N, C-alpha and C. Protein backbone atom coordinates (compact mmCIF):
# COMPACT_ATOMS: atom_id res chain seq x y z
N MET A 1 -19.37 -29.14 -5.91
CA MET A 1 -18.12 -28.87 -6.73
C MET A 1 -18.53 -27.76 -7.73
N PRO A 2 -17.71 -26.69 -7.81
CA PRO A 2 -17.88 -25.62 -8.73
C PRO A 2 -17.84 -26.00 -10.15
N LYS A 3 -18.56 -25.33 -11.00
CA LYS A 3 -18.39 -25.56 -12.48
C LYS A 3 -17.09 -25.40 -12.96
N THR A 4 -16.55 -26.20 -13.81
CA THR A 4 -15.16 -26.05 -14.31
C THR A 4 -15.16 -25.80 -15.78
N HIS A 5 -14.03 -25.13 -16.18
CA HIS A 5 -13.88 -24.88 -17.66
C HIS A 5 -12.48 -25.23 -17.95
N ASN A 6 -12.32 -26.42 -18.60
CA ASN A 6 -10.97 -26.80 -18.90
C ASN A 6 -10.06 -26.92 -17.71
N ASN A 7 -10.58 -27.42 -16.57
CA ASN A 7 -9.86 -27.58 -15.35
C ASN A 7 -9.25 -26.34 -14.77
N LEU A 8 -9.96 -25.18 -15.10
CA LEU A 8 -9.52 -23.92 -14.56
C LEU A 8 -9.53 -23.90 -13.01
N PHE A 9 -10.50 -24.34 -12.42
CA PHE A 9 -10.62 -24.37 -10.91
C PHE A 9 -9.40 -25.00 -10.35
N GLU A 10 -9.06 -26.16 -10.84
CA GLU A 10 -7.88 -26.90 -10.37
C GLU A 10 -6.67 -26.13 -10.51
N GLN A 11 -6.54 -25.41 -11.58
CA GLN A 11 -5.31 -24.62 -11.91
C GLN A 11 -5.17 -23.46 -10.94
N ILE A 12 -6.29 -22.87 -10.67
CA ILE A 12 -6.30 -21.68 -9.78
C ILE A 12 -5.95 -22.18 -8.27
N CYS A 13 -6.49 -23.23 -7.95
CA CYS A 13 -6.27 -23.79 -6.59
C CYS A 13 -5.02 -24.52 -6.39
N ASP A 14 -4.36 -24.76 -7.46
CA ASP A 14 -3.05 -25.48 -7.27
C ASP A 14 -2.05 -24.62 -6.53
N PHE A 15 -1.39 -25.27 -5.53
CA PHE A 15 -0.56 -24.54 -4.61
C PHE A 15 0.66 -23.84 -5.38
N ASP A 16 1.27 -24.60 -6.29
CA ASP A 16 2.34 -24.02 -7.02
C ASP A 16 1.89 -22.74 -7.89
N ASN A 17 0.68 -22.88 -8.52
CA ASN A 17 0.28 -21.70 -9.27
C ASN A 17 -0.02 -20.49 -8.34
N LEU A 18 -0.58 -20.81 -7.11
CA LEU A 18 -0.92 -19.70 -6.10
C LEU A 18 0.40 -19.15 -5.69
N TYR A 19 1.39 -19.97 -5.37
CA TYR A 19 2.66 -19.42 -4.96
C TYR A 19 3.32 -18.57 -5.99
N LYS A 20 3.25 -19.03 -7.28
CA LYS A 20 3.86 -18.14 -8.37
C LYS A 20 3.18 -16.87 -8.47
N ALA A 21 1.77 -16.81 -8.32
CA ALA A 21 1.06 -15.56 -8.34
C ALA A 21 1.44 -14.72 -7.24
N TYR A 22 1.63 -15.27 -5.97
CA TYR A 22 1.96 -14.47 -4.90
C TYR A 22 3.34 -13.81 -5.09
N LEU A 23 4.30 -14.64 -5.57
CA LEU A 23 5.61 -14.05 -5.83
C LEU A 23 5.54 -12.88 -6.91
N LYS A 24 4.80 -13.05 -7.90
CA LYS A 24 4.66 -12.06 -8.96
C LYS A 24 3.99 -10.76 -8.33
N ALA A 25 2.95 -10.94 -7.53
CA ALA A 25 2.29 -9.83 -6.93
C ALA A 25 3.12 -9.09 -5.95
N ARG A 26 3.98 -9.88 -5.22
CA ARG A 26 4.81 -9.26 -4.20
C ARG A 26 5.85 -8.30 -4.90
N LYS A 27 6.34 -8.73 -6.04
CA LYS A 27 7.33 -7.85 -6.78
C LYS A 27 6.65 -6.57 -7.19
N CYS A 28 5.44 -6.51 -7.47
CA CYS A 28 4.72 -5.29 -7.91
C CYS A 28 4.39 -4.39 -6.74
N LYS A 29 4.55 -4.75 -5.54
CA LYS A 29 4.16 -3.93 -4.42
C LYS A 29 5.33 -3.01 -4.03
N ARG A 30 6.38 -3.07 -4.67
CA ARG A 30 7.46 -2.20 -4.36
C ARG A 30 7.42 -0.92 -5.17
N TYR A 31 7.35 0.10 -4.46
CA TYR A 31 7.19 1.46 -5.20
C TYR A 31 8.56 2.14 -5.37
N ARG A 32 8.80 2.62 -6.48
CA ARG A 32 10.14 3.37 -6.74
C ARG A 32 9.78 4.83 -6.42
N PRO A 33 10.94 5.52 -6.26
CA PRO A 33 10.86 6.93 -5.93
C PRO A 33 10.03 7.72 -6.91
N GLU A 34 10.26 7.38 -8.22
CA GLU A 34 9.54 8.10 -9.28
C GLU A 34 7.99 7.85 -9.26
N ASP A 35 7.56 6.66 -8.71
CA ASP A 35 6.12 6.40 -8.48
C ASP A 35 5.55 7.30 -7.47
N HIS A 36 6.29 7.62 -6.39
CA HIS A 36 5.79 8.56 -5.38
C HIS A 36 5.78 9.91 -5.89
N GLU A 37 6.79 10.28 -6.74
CA GLU A 37 6.80 11.69 -7.39
C GLU A 37 5.66 11.82 -8.38
N ARG A 38 5.41 10.83 -9.11
CA ARG A 38 4.25 10.84 -10.01
C ARG A 38 2.90 11.08 -9.34
N LEU A 39 2.71 10.35 -8.29
CA LEU A 39 1.53 10.49 -7.42
C LEU A 39 1.35 11.94 -6.93
N ARG A 40 2.45 12.50 -6.42
CA ARG A 40 2.48 13.86 -5.84
C ARG A 40 2.14 14.82 -6.95
N ASP A 41 2.71 14.62 -8.12
CA ASP A 41 2.42 15.48 -9.26
C ASP A 41 1.10 15.47 -9.65
N MET A 42 0.46 14.25 -9.73
CA MET A 42 -0.93 14.15 -10.08
C MET A 42 -1.78 14.83 -9.03
N ILE A 43 -1.50 14.74 -7.88
CA ILE A 43 -2.36 15.35 -6.77
C ILE A 43 -2.30 16.95 -6.80
N LYS A 44 -1.15 17.43 -7.27
CA LYS A 44 -0.88 18.89 -7.46
C LYS A 44 -1.99 19.46 -8.37
N ASN A 45 -2.33 18.67 -9.35
CA ASN A 45 -3.17 19.16 -10.45
C ASN A 45 -4.69 18.87 -10.20
N ILE A 46 -5.08 18.31 -9.12
CA ILE A 46 -6.48 18.02 -8.80
C ILE A 46 -7.06 19.20 -8.22
N THR A 47 -8.19 19.61 -8.66
CA THR A 47 -8.89 20.82 -8.14
C THR A 47 -9.76 20.38 -6.90
N GLY A 48 -10.19 19.16 -6.78
CA GLY A 48 -10.95 18.69 -5.68
C GLY A 48 -10.12 18.36 -4.44
N LYS A 49 -10.73 17.98 -3.38
CA LYS A 49 -9.99 17.69 -2.14
C LYS A 49 -9.46 16.27 -2.19
N VAL A 50 -8.22 16.16 -1.70
CA VAL A 50 -7.50 14.88 -1.71
C VAL A 50 -6.99 14.63 -0.32
N ILE A 51 -7.13 13.40 0.11
CA ILE A 51 -6.52 12.88 1.36
C ILE A 51 -5.78 11.64 1.13
N ILE A 52 -4.53 11.52 1.47
CA ILE A 52 -3.73 10.33 1.29
C ILE A 52 -3.01 10.08 2.62
N SER A 53 -2.74 8.77 2.81
CA SER A 53 -1.98 8.36 4.08
C SER A 53 -0.78 7.57 3.67
N TYR A 54 0.31 7.88 4.40
CA TYR A 54 1.57 7.27 4.26
C TYR A 54 2.14 6.83 5.61
N ASP A 55 3.07 5.89 5.67
CA ASP A 55 3.89 5.78 6.83
C ASP A 55 4.73 6.96 6.98
N ASP A 56 4.93 7.42 8.24
CA ASP A 56 5.74 8.63 8.60
C ASP A 56 7.20 8.35 8.18
N HIS A 57 7.69 9.02 7.21
CA HIS A 57 9.05 8.88 6.78
C HIS A 57 9.63 10.18 6.31
N PRO A 58 10.91 10.57 6.58
CA PRO A 58 11.44 11.86 6.25
C PRO A 58 11.39 12.06 4.76
N VAL A 59 11.49 11.05 3.89
CA VAL A 59 11.44 11.26 2.45
C VAL A 59 10.18 11.63 1.97
N ILE A 60 8.92 11.04 2.59
CA ILE A 60 7.69 11.52 2.32
C ILE A 60 7.39 12.86 2.67
N ARG A 61 7.86 13.21 3.98
CA ARG A 61 7.63 14.59 4.46
C ARG A 61 8.32 15.63 3.48
N LYS A 62 9.40 15.24 3.04
CA LYS A 62 10.11 16.28 2.06
C LYS A 62 9.32 16.28 0.77
N LEU A 63 8.93 15.11 0.31
CA LEU A 63 8.24 15.14 -1.05
C LEU A 63 6.92 15.83 -1.02
N TYR A 64 6.28 15.91 0.17
CA TYR A 64 4.92 16.53 0.21
C TYR A 64 4.95 17.89 1.06
N LYS A 65 6.15 18.43 1.10
CA LYS A 65 6.24 19.59 1.95
C LYS A 65 5.39 20.76 1.66
N LYS A 66 4.90 20.87 0.35
CA LYS A 66 4.00 22.03 0.03
C LYS A 66 2.46 21.63 0.33
N PHE A 67 2.26 20.50 0.81
CA PHE A 67 0.92 20.04 1.20
C PHE A 67 0.72 20.26 2.65
N HIS A 68 -0.53 20.09 3.17
CA HIS A 68 -0.82 20.03 4.60
C HIS A 68 -0.51 18.62 5.14
N ILE A 69 0.35 18.59 6.11
CA ILE A 69 0.69 17.24 6.70
C ILE A 69 0.34 17.19 8.10
N HIS A 70 -0.40 16.08 8.41
CA HIS A 70 -0.87 15.84 9.79
C HIS A 70 -0.31 14.64 10.23
N GLY A 71 0.43 14.53 11.39
CA GLY A 71 0.95 13.30 11.82
C GLY A 71 -0.05 12.66 12.78
N THR A 72 0.00 11.33 12.88
CA THR A 72 -0.87 10.60 13.86
C THR A 72 0.11 10.11 15.00
N GLY A 73 -0.42 9.61 16.01
CA GLY A 73 0.36 8.94 16.95
C GLY A 73 0.58 7.47 16.43
N PRO A 74 1.27 6.68 17.11
CA PRO A 74 1.57 5.29 16.67
C PRO A 74 0.22 4.47 16.40
N VAL A 75 0.07 3.92 15.23
CA VAL A 75 -1.12 3.21 14.83
C VAL A 75 -0.73 1.73 14.96
N LEU A 76 -1.72 0.94 15.53
CA LEU A 76 -1.46 -0.47 15.63
C LEU A 76 -1.90 -1.19 14.30
N TYR A 77 -0.88 -1.82 13.71
CA TYR A 77 -1.26 -2.50 12.43
C TYR A 77 -1.78 -3.97 12.80
N THR A 78 -3.01 -4.20 12.41
CA THR A 78 -3.55 -5.58 12.85
C THR A 78 -3.74 -6.41 11.62
N MET A 79 -3.58 -6.04 10.43
CA MET A 79 -3.78 -6.90 9.22
C MET A 79 -2.65 -7.92 9.26
N ASN A 80 -1.44 -7.61 9.49
CA ASN A 80 -0.35 -8.63 9.41
C ASN A 80 0.11 -9.15 10.76
N ASN A 81 -0.79 -8.92 11.78
CA ASN A 81 -0.59 -9.49 13.05
C ASN A 81 -0.55 -10.92 13.06
N ARG A 82 0.54 -11.64 13.39
CA ARG A 82 0.63 -13.07 13.53
C ARG A 82 1.02 -13.44 14.90
N ARG A 83 0.75 -14.69 15.16
CA ARG A 83 1.07 -15.17 16.55
C ARG A 83 2.55 -15.07 16.72
N ASN A 84 2.91 -14.88 17.88
CA ASN A 84 4.33 -14.84 18.36
C ASN A 84 5.22 -13.75 17.64
N THR A 85 4.48 -12.69 17.18
CA THR A 85 5.25 -11.56 16.65
C THR A 85 4.89 -10.32 17.44
N PRO A 86 5.85 -9.44 17.60
CA PRO A 86 5.52 -8.28 18.38
C PRO A 86 4.52 -7.31 17.60
N GLU A 87 3.76 -6.63 18.35
CA GLU A 87 2.84 -5.65 17.75
C GLU A 87 3.67 -4.64 16.93
N ARG A 88 3.00 -4.20 15.81
CA ARG A 88 3.71 -3.32 14.97
C ARG A 88 2.91 -2.04 15.03
N ARG A 89 3.55 -0.98 15.62
CA ARG A 89 2.91 0.35 15.77
C ARG A 89 3.75 1.32 14.97
N ILE A 90 3.15 2.01 14.03
CA ILE A 90 3.81 3.02 13.14
C ILE A 90 3.04 4.26 13.05
N SER A 91 3.71 5.41 13.13
CA SER A 91 3.06 6.62 13.01
C SER A 91 2.68 6.94 11.53
N GLU A 92 1.60 7.46 11.22
CA GLU A 92 1.11 7.66 9.89
C GLU A 92 1.21 9.20 9.65
N LEU A 93 1.21 9.54 8.31
CA LEU A 93 0.99 10.97 7.92
C LEU A 93 -0.33 10.94 7.07
N ILE A 94 -1.12 11.98 7.48
CA ILE A 94 -2.28 12.22 6.62
C ILE A 94 -1.98 13.53 5.86
N ILE A 95 -1.96 13.31 4.59
CA ILE A 95 -1.59 14.55 3.71
C ILE A 95 -2.82 14.92 2.90
N THR A 96 -3.06 16.25 2.98
CA THR A 96 -4.25 16.81 2.29
C THR A 96 -3.77 17.96 1.38
N ASN A 97 -4.67 18.35 0.42
CA ASN A 97 -4.44 19.53 -0.40
C ASN A 97 -5.27 20.60 0.10
N PHE A 98 -5.93 20.60 1.19
CA PHE A 98 -6.72 21.63 1.72
C PHE A 98 -6.48 21.91 3.16
């Protein structure tokens, strides 16, 4: 049994606490348009080489039109592959400043 401090281990492993943490984290994974614009603006000012990857989407292509954009063929996403779900293949954009 791991060492505990004020029942911290039990609190972390409690399903209700884990589920609340999951819901809170899920909310933070939604990016707003201004988040994408801020990232683009930060990349503009970097003097070194930068490579980023995005799902292929017209909004992203427009946002990064002054960068070098390389499209990929459909990529198989395996991280979220669950049983009885269709394969998820999405084209990616590789965006560079060089």
